PDB file of N, CA and C in Angstrom:
ATOM      1  N   MET A   1      -7.685   1.288  -7.777  1.00  0.00           N
ATOM      2  CA  MET A   1      -7.643   1.354  -6.204  1.00  0.00           C
ATOM      3  C   MET A   1      -7.678   2.693  -6.322  1.00  0.00           C
ATOM      4  N   TYR A   2      -7.111   3.694  -7.148  1.00  0.00           N
ATOM      5  CA  TYR A   2      -7.164   4.645  -6.718  1.00  0.00           C
ATOM      6  C   TYR A   2      -7.601   6.258  -7.681  1.00  0.00           C
ATOM      7  N   TRP A   3      -8.549   5.049  -8.688  1.00  0.00           N
ATOM      8  CA  TRP A   3      -9.869   5.738  -8.757  1.00  0.00           C
ATOM      9  C   TRP A   3     -11.272   5.256  -8.431  1.00  0.00           C
ATOM     10  N   HIS A   4     -10.902   4.319  -7.558  1.00  0.00           N
ATOM     11  CA  HIS A   4     -12.531   3.276  -7.756  1.00  0.00           C
ATOM     12  C   HIS A   4     -12.549   3.276  -5.324  1.00  0.00           C
ATOM     13  N   ASP A   5     -12.037   2.886  -4.840  1.00  0.00           N
ATOM     14  CA  ASP A   5     -12.153   1.901  -4.639  1.00  0.00           C
ATOM     15  C   ASP A   5     -11.780   3.181  -2.826  1.00  0.00           C
ATOM     16  N   VAL A   6     -12.822   3.739  -1.828  1.00  0.00           N
ATOM     17  CA  VAL A   6     -13.118   4.219  -0.587  1.00  0.00           C
ATOM     18  C   VAL A   6     -12.024   4.572   0.103  1.00  0.00           C
ATOM     19  N   ARG A   7     -11.722   3.319   0.315  1.00  0.00           N
ATOM     20  CA  ARG A   7     -10.637   3.261   1.055  1.00  0.00           C
ATOM     21  C   ARG A   7      -9.260   4.174   0.624  1.00  0.00           C
ATOM     22  N   ALA A   8      -8.942   4.616  -0.885  1.00  0.00           N
ATOM     23  CA  ALA A   8      -7.746   5.626  -1.018  1.00  0.00           C
ATOM     24  C   ALA A   8      -8.660   6.121  -2.035  1.00  0.00           C
ATOM     25  N   SER A   9      -9.692   6.234  -2.759  1.00  0.00           N
ATOM     26  CA  SER A   9      -9.747   7.650  -3.993  1.00  0.00           C
ATOM     27  C   SER A   9     -10.056   8.644  -3.043  1.00  0.00           C
ATOM     28  N   THR A  10      -9.989   8.659  -1.647  1.00  0.00           N
ATOM     29  CA  THR A  10     -10.972   9.867  -1.646  1.00  0.00           C
ATOM     30  C   THR A  10      -9.190  11.054  -1.024  1.00  0.00           C
ATOM     31  N   TRP A  11      -7.956  10.202  -1.578  1.00  0.00           N
ATOM     32  CA  TRP A  11      -6.955  11.233  -1.306  1.00  0.00           C
ATOM     33  C   TRP A  11      -7.358  11.508  -2.805  1.00  0.00           C
ATOM     34  N   GLN A  12      -7.780  11.066  -4.070  1.00  0.00           N
ATOM     35  CA  GLN A  12      -7.058  11.233  -5.404  1.00  0.00           C
ATOM     36  C   GLN A  12      -5.537  12.546  -5.491  1.00  0.00           C
ATOM     37  N   GLY A  13      -5.342  12.465  -6.613  1.00  0.00           N
ATOM     38  CA  GLY A  13      -4.304  13.552  -7.447  1.00  0.00           C
ATOM     39  C   GLY A  13      -3.343  14.143  -6.058  1.00  0.00           C
ATOM     40  N   THR A  14      -3.091  13.270  -4.738  1.00  0.00           N
ATOM     41  CA  THR A  14      -2.381  13.063  -3.900  1.00  0.00           C
ATOM     42  C   THR A  14      -1.370  11.507  -4.140  1.00  0.00           C
ATOM     43  N   ALA A  15       0.110  12.792  -3.450  1.00  0.00           N
ATOM     44  CA  ALA A  15       1.334  11.455  -3.106  1.00  0.00           C
ATOM     45  C   ALA A  15       0.046  10.658  -2.249  1.00  0.00           C
ATOM     46  N   PHE A  16      -0.001  10.864  -1.652  1.00  0.00           N
ATOM     47  CA  PHE A  16      -0.348  10.424   0.242  1.00  0.00           C
ATOM     48  C   PHE A  16      -1.991   9.466  -1.093  1.00  0.00           C
ATOM     49  N   GLY A  17      -2.514   9.436  -2.058  1.00  0.00           N
ATOM     50  CA  GLY A  17      -3.308   8.705  -2.830  1.00  0.00           C
ATOM     51  C   GLY A  17      -2.606   7.497  -3.157  1.00  0.00           C
ATOM     52  N   VAL A  18      -1.639   7.853  -3.524  1.00  0.00           N
ATOM     53  CA  VAL A  18      -0.452   6.379  -4.414  1.00  0.00           C
ATOM     54  C   VAL A  18      -0.494   5.242  -3.410  1.00  0.00           C
ATOM     55  N   VAL A  19       0.689   6.565  -1.866  1.00  0.00           N
ATOM     56  CA  VAL A  19       0.862   4.706  -1.202  1.00  0.00           C
ATOM     57  C   VAL A  19      -0.491   4.261  -0.164  1.00  0.00           C
ATOM     58  N   ARG A  20      -1.737   5.452  -0.443  1.00  0.00           N
ATOM     59  CA  ARG A  20      -2.840   4.833   0.303  1.00  0.00           C
ATOM     60  C   ARG A  20      -3.412   3.089  -0.331  1.00  0.00           C
ATOM     61  N   ALA A  21      -3.410   3.656  -2.224  1.00  0.00           N
ATOM     62  CA  ALA A  21      -3.827   2.447  -2.893  1.00  0.00           C
ATOM     63  C   ALA A  21      -2.802   1.059  -2.922  1.00  0.00           C
ATOM     64  N   VAL A  22      -1.654   1.679  -3.291  1.00  0.00           N
ATOM     65  CA  VAL A  22      -1.112   0.901  -2.903  1.00  0.00           C
ATOM     66  C   VAL A  22      -0.704  -0.478  -1.679  1.00  0.00           C
ATOM     67  N   ASN A  23      -0.891   0.371  -0.266  1.00  0.00           N
ATOM     68  CA  ASN A  23      -1.329  -0.193   0.513  1.00  0.00           C
ATOM     69  C   ASN A  23      -2.169  -0.517   1.154  1.00  0.00           C
ATOM     70  N   THR A  24      -3.673  -0.569   0.845  1.00  0.00           N
ATOM     71  CA  THR A  24      -4.794  -1.039   0.646  1.00  0.00           C
ATOM     72  C   THR A  24      -4.545  -2.676  -0.160  1.00  0.00           C
ATOM     73  N   TRP A  25      -4.570  -1.990  -1.267  1.00  0.00           N
ATOM     74  CA  TRP A  25      -4.153  -3.734  -2.485  1.00  0.00           C
ATOM     75  C   TRP A  25      -3.393  -3.924  -1.518  1.00  0.00           C
ATOM     76  N   ALA A  26      -1.738  -3.684  -0.939  1.00  0.00           N
ATOM     77  CA  ALA A  26      -1.526  -5.228   0.385  1.00  0.00           C
ATOM     78  C   ALA A  26      -2.008  -5.707   1.191  1.00  0.00           C
ATOM     79  N   HIS A  27      -2.978  -5.117   1.707  1.00  0.00           N
ATOM     80  CA  HIS A  27      -3.438  -4.995   2.738  1.00  0.00           C
ATOM     81  C   HIS A  27      -4.991  -6.302   2.837  1.00  0.00           C
ATOM     82  N   HIS A  28      -5.330  -5.853   1.846  1.00  0.00           N
ATOM     83  CA  HIS A  28      -7.044  -6.367   1.067  1.00  0.00           C
ATOM     84  C   HIS A  28      -6.662  -7.467  -0.341  1.00  0.00           C
ATOM     85  N   LYS A  29      -5.417  -7.020  -1.027  1.00  0.00           N
ATOM     86  CA  LYS A  29      -6.350  -7.179  -2.553  1.00  0.00           C
ATOM     87  C   LYS A  29      -5.165  -8.959  -3.255  1.00  0.00           C
ATOM     88  N   GLN A  30      -4.093  -8.631  -2.496  1.00  0.00           N
ATOM     89  CA  GLN A  30      -2.831  -8.737  -2.728  1.00  0.00           C
ATOM     90  C   GLN A  30      -2.959 -10.833  -2.372  1.00  0.00           C
ATOM     91  N   SER A  31      -2.801 -11.631  -3.261  1.00  0.00           N
ATOM     92  CA  SER A  31      -3.079 -13.024  -3.137  1.00  0.00           C
ATOM     93  C   SER A  31      -2.040 -13.093  -1.551  1.00  0.00           C
ATOM     94  N   VAL A  32      -2.604 -14.738  -1.406  1.00  0.00           N
ATOM     95  CA  VAL A  32      -1.658 -14.838   0.468  1.00  0.00           C
ATOM     96  C   VAL A  32      -1.991 -15.675  -0.526  1.00  0.00           C
ATOM     97  N   LYS A  33      -1.156 -16.800  -0.267  1.00  0.00           N
ATOM     98  CA  LYS A  33      -0.816 -18.655  -0.183  1.00  0.00           C
ATOM     99  C   LYS A  33      -0.188 -18.768   1.024  1.00  0.00           C
ATOM    100  N   GLY A  34      -0.699 -19.943   2.125  1.00  0.00           N
ATOM    101  CA  GLY A  34      -0.509 -20.991   2.744  1.00  0.00           C
ATOM    102  C   GLY A  34      -0.268 -20.021   4.150  1.00  0.00           C
ATOM    103  N   ALA A  35      -1.460 -18.469   4.024  1.00  0.00           N
ATOM    104  CA  ALA A  35      -1.880 -18.587   5.527  1.00  0.00           C
ATOM    105  C   ALA A  35      -3.273 -17.431   5.530  1.00  0.00           C
ATOM    106  N   PRO A  36      -4.079 -17.405   6.269  1.00  0.00           N
ATOM    107  CA  PRO A  36      -4.775 -16.819   6.671  1.00  0.00           C
ATOM    108  C   PRO A  36      -4.573 -15.189   6.105  1.00  0.00           C
ATOM    109  N   ARG A  37      -5.329 -14.515   5.054  1.00  0.00           N
ATOM    110  CA  ARG A  37      -4.905 -13.162   4.843  1.00  0.00           C
ATOM    111  C   ARG A  37      -4.466 -11.800   6.635  1.00  0.00           C
ATOM    112  N   ALA A  38      -5.927 -12.811   7.692  1.00  0.00           N
ATOM    113  CA  ALA A  38      -5.092 -11.411   8.880  1.00  0.00           C
ATOM    114  C   ALA A  38      -4.243 -12.420   9.461  1.00  0.00           C
ATOM    115  N   GLY A  39      -3.756 -13.030   9.432  1.00  0.00           N
ATOM    116  CA  GLY A  39      -2.378 -13.538  10.181  1.00  0.00           C
ATOM    117  C   GLY A  39      -1.170 -12.756   9.253  1.00  0.00           C
ATOM    118  N   ARG A  40      -1.765 -13.073   7.855  1.00  0.00           N
ATOM    119  CA  ARG A  40      -0.241 -12.820   7.158  1.00  0.00           C
ATOM    120  C   ARG A  40      -0.512 -10.331   7.141  1.00  0.00           C
ATOM    121  N   ASN A  41      -1.499 -10.109   7.585  1.00  0.00           N
ATOM    122  CA  ASN A  41      -1.790  -8.559   7.754  1.00  0.00           C
ATOM    123  C   ASN A  41      -0.787  -9.011   8.677  1.00  0.00           C
ATOM    124  N   GLN A  42      -0.870  -9.232   9.536  1.00  0.00           N
ATOM    125  CA  GLN A  42      -0.541  -9.523  11.128  1.00  0.00           C
ATOM    126  C   GLN A  42       0.797  -9.392  10.685  1.00  0.00           C
ATOM    127  N   GLU A  43       1.353 -10.489  10.508  1.00  0.00           N
ATOM    128  CA  GLU A  43       3.061 -10.469  10.059  1.00  0.00           C
ATOM    129  C   GLU A  43       4.088  -9.153  10.139  1.00  0.00           C
ATOM    130  N   GLY A  44       2.947  -8.772   8.279  1.00  0.00           N
ATOM    131  CA  GLY A  44       3.997  -7.662   8.242  1.00  0.00           C
ATOM    132  C   GLY A  44       3.768  -6.110   8.652  1.00  0.00           C
ATOM    133  N   ALA A  45       2.331  -6.203   9.568  1.00  0.00           N
ATOM    134  CA  ALA A  45       2.452  -5.073  10.861  1.00  0.00           C
ATOM    135  C   ALA A  45       4.192  -5.693  11.710  1.00  0.00           C
ATOM    136  N   ILE A  46       3.793  -6.723  12.497  1.00  0.00           N
ATOM    137  CA  ILE A  46       5.401  -6.698  13.073  1.00  0.00           C
ATOM    138  C   ILE A  46       6.410  -6.763  12.411  1.00  0.00           C
ATOM    139  N   SER A  47       6.205  -7.276  11.080  1.00  0.00           N
ATOM    140  CA  SER A  47       7.955  -7.238  10.452  1.00  0.00           C
ATOM    141  C   SER A  47       8.868  -5.800  10.416  1.00  0.00           C
ATOM    142  N   GLY A  48       7.465  -4.952   9.925  1.00  0.00           N
ATOM    143  CA  GLY A  48       7.582  -4.047   9.651  1.00  0.00           C
ATOM    144  C   GLY A  48       7.114  -3.830   7.246  1.00  0.00           C
ATOM    145  N   ARG A  49       6.922  -5.386   6.737  1.00  0.00           N
ATOM    146  CA  ARG A  49       7.113  -5.049   6.108  1.00  0.00           C
ATOM    147  C   ARG A  49       6.574  -3.910   5.125  1.00  0.00           C
ATOM    148  N   PHE A  50       4.993  -3.977   6.085  1.00  0.00           N
ATOM    149  CA  PHE A  50       4.508  -3.162   4.892  1.00  0.00           C
ATOM    150  C   PHE A  50       4.939  -0.930   5.389  1.00  0.00           C
ATOM    151  N   ASP A  51       5.981  -1.101   6.523  1.00  0.00           N
ATOM    152  CA  ASP A  51       6.237   0.092   6.241  1.00  0.00           C
ATOM    153  C   ASP A  51       7.431  -0.050   5.629  1.00  0.00           C
ATOM    154  N   LYS A  52       8.468  -0.685   4.884  1.00  0.00           N
ATOM    155  CA  LYS A  52       9.441  -1.042   4.478  1.00  0.00           C
ATOM    156  C   LYS A  52       8.376  -0.439   3.305  1.00  0.00           C
ATOM    157  N   LEU A  53       7.394  -1.327   2.767  1.00  0.00           N
ATOM    158  CA  LEU A  53       6.145  -1.250   1.678  1.00  0.00           C
ATOM    159  C   LEU A  53       5.818   0.308   0.965  1.00  0.00           C
ATOM    160  N   ASP A  54       5.673   1.258   2.266  1.00  0.00           N
ATOM    161  CA  ASP A  54       4.814   2.075   2.332  1.00  0.00           C
ATOM    162  C   ASP A  54       6.422   3.091   1.585  1.00  0.00           C
ATOM    163  N   ALA A  55       7.113   2.737   2.121  1.00  0.00           N
ATOM    164  CA  ALA A  55       8.771   4.058   2.341  1.00  0.00           C
ATOM    165  C   ALA A  55       9.505   3.433   1.023  1.00  0.00           C
ATOM    166  N   SER A  56       9.643   2.704   0.621  1.00  0.00           N
ATOM    167  CA  SER A  56       9.328   2.395  -1.164  1.00  0.00           C
ATOM    168  C   SER A  56       8.974   3.584  -1.911  1.00  0.00           C
ATOM    169  N   VAL A  57       7.107   2.806  -1.918  1.00  0.00           N
ATOM    170  CA  VAL A  57       6.542   3.597  -2.756  1.00  0.00           C
ATOM    171  C   VAL A  57       7.246   5.195  -2.805  1.00  0.00           C
ATOM    172  N   VAL A  58       6.690   5.697  -1.643  1.00  0.00           N
ATOM    173  CA  VAL A  58       6.808   7.441  -1.086  1.00  0.00           C
ATOM    174  C   VAL A  58       8.350   7.358  -1.514  1.00  0.00           C
ATOM    175  N   SER A  59       9.445   6.734  -2.091  1.00  0.00           N
ATOM    176  CA  SER A  59      10.265   6.711  -2.383  1.00  0.00           C
ATOM    177  C   SER A  59      10.706   6.884  -4.033  1.00  0.00           C
ATOM    178  N   THR A  60       9.730   5.266  -5.250  1.00  0.00           N
ATOM    179  CA  THR A  60       9.018   5.568  -6.241  1.00  0.00           C
ATOM    180  C   THR A  60       9.042   7.295  -6.173  1.00  0.00           C
ATOM    181  N   LEU A  61       7.864   7.975  -5.247  1.00  0.00           N
ATOM    182  CA  LEU A  61       7.579   8.820  -5.889  1.00  0.00           C
ATOM    183  C   LEU A  61       8.040   9.925  -5.620  1.00  0.00           C
ATOM    184  N   GLU A  62       9.177   9.982  -5.148  1.00  0.00           N
ATOM    185  CA  GLU A  62      10.009  10.890  -4.840  1.00  0.00           C
ATOM    186  C   GLU A  62      11.422  11.181  -6.213  1.00  0.00           C
ATOM    187  N   LYS A  63      11.203   9.938  -6.977  1.00  0.00           N
ATOM    188  CA  LYS A  63      12.555  10.032  -7.828  1.00  0.00           C
ATOM    189  C   LYS A  63      11.566  10.636  -9.371  1.00  0.00           C
ATOM    190  N   VAL A  64      10.111  10.027  -9.661  1.00  0.00           N
ATOM    191  CA  VAL A  64       9.305  10.686 -10.813  1.00  0.00           C
ATOM    192  C   VAL A  64       8.757  11.810 -10.668  1.00  0.00           C
ATOM    193  N   LEU A  65       8.485  11.661  -9.517  1.00  0.00           N
ATOM    194  CA  LEU A  65       8.226  13.377  -9.271  1.00  0.00           C
ATOM    195  C   LEU A  65       9.189  14.309  -9.391  1.00  0.00           C
ATOM    196  N   ALA A  66      11.067  13.854  -8.944  1.00  0.00           N
ATOM    197  CA  ALA A  66      11.570  14.970  -9.685  1.00  0.00           C
ATOM    198  C   ALA A  66      12.056  15.119 -11.055  1.00  0.00           C
ATOM    199  N   SER A  67      12.015  14.235 -11.942  1.00  0.00           N
ATOM    200  CA  SER A  67      12.420  13.911 -12.946  1.00  0.00           C
ATOM    201  C   SER A  67      11.823  14.616 -13.950  1.00  0.00           C
TER     202      SER A  67
END
């Protein structure tokens, strides 16, 4: 997604591009079991799961870029 998906590739070469690729994957490509994708995405937005995912990606990038 980082390289080829228009929803993320626009920001290639940036940390935001990495966050966008992971977030886009979670919203549109990750396997969904037991609920329709739209319902799972709504639950993720309401519960803060996607915010936590984004924060985790940023934290990981900070560690990688600091080394």
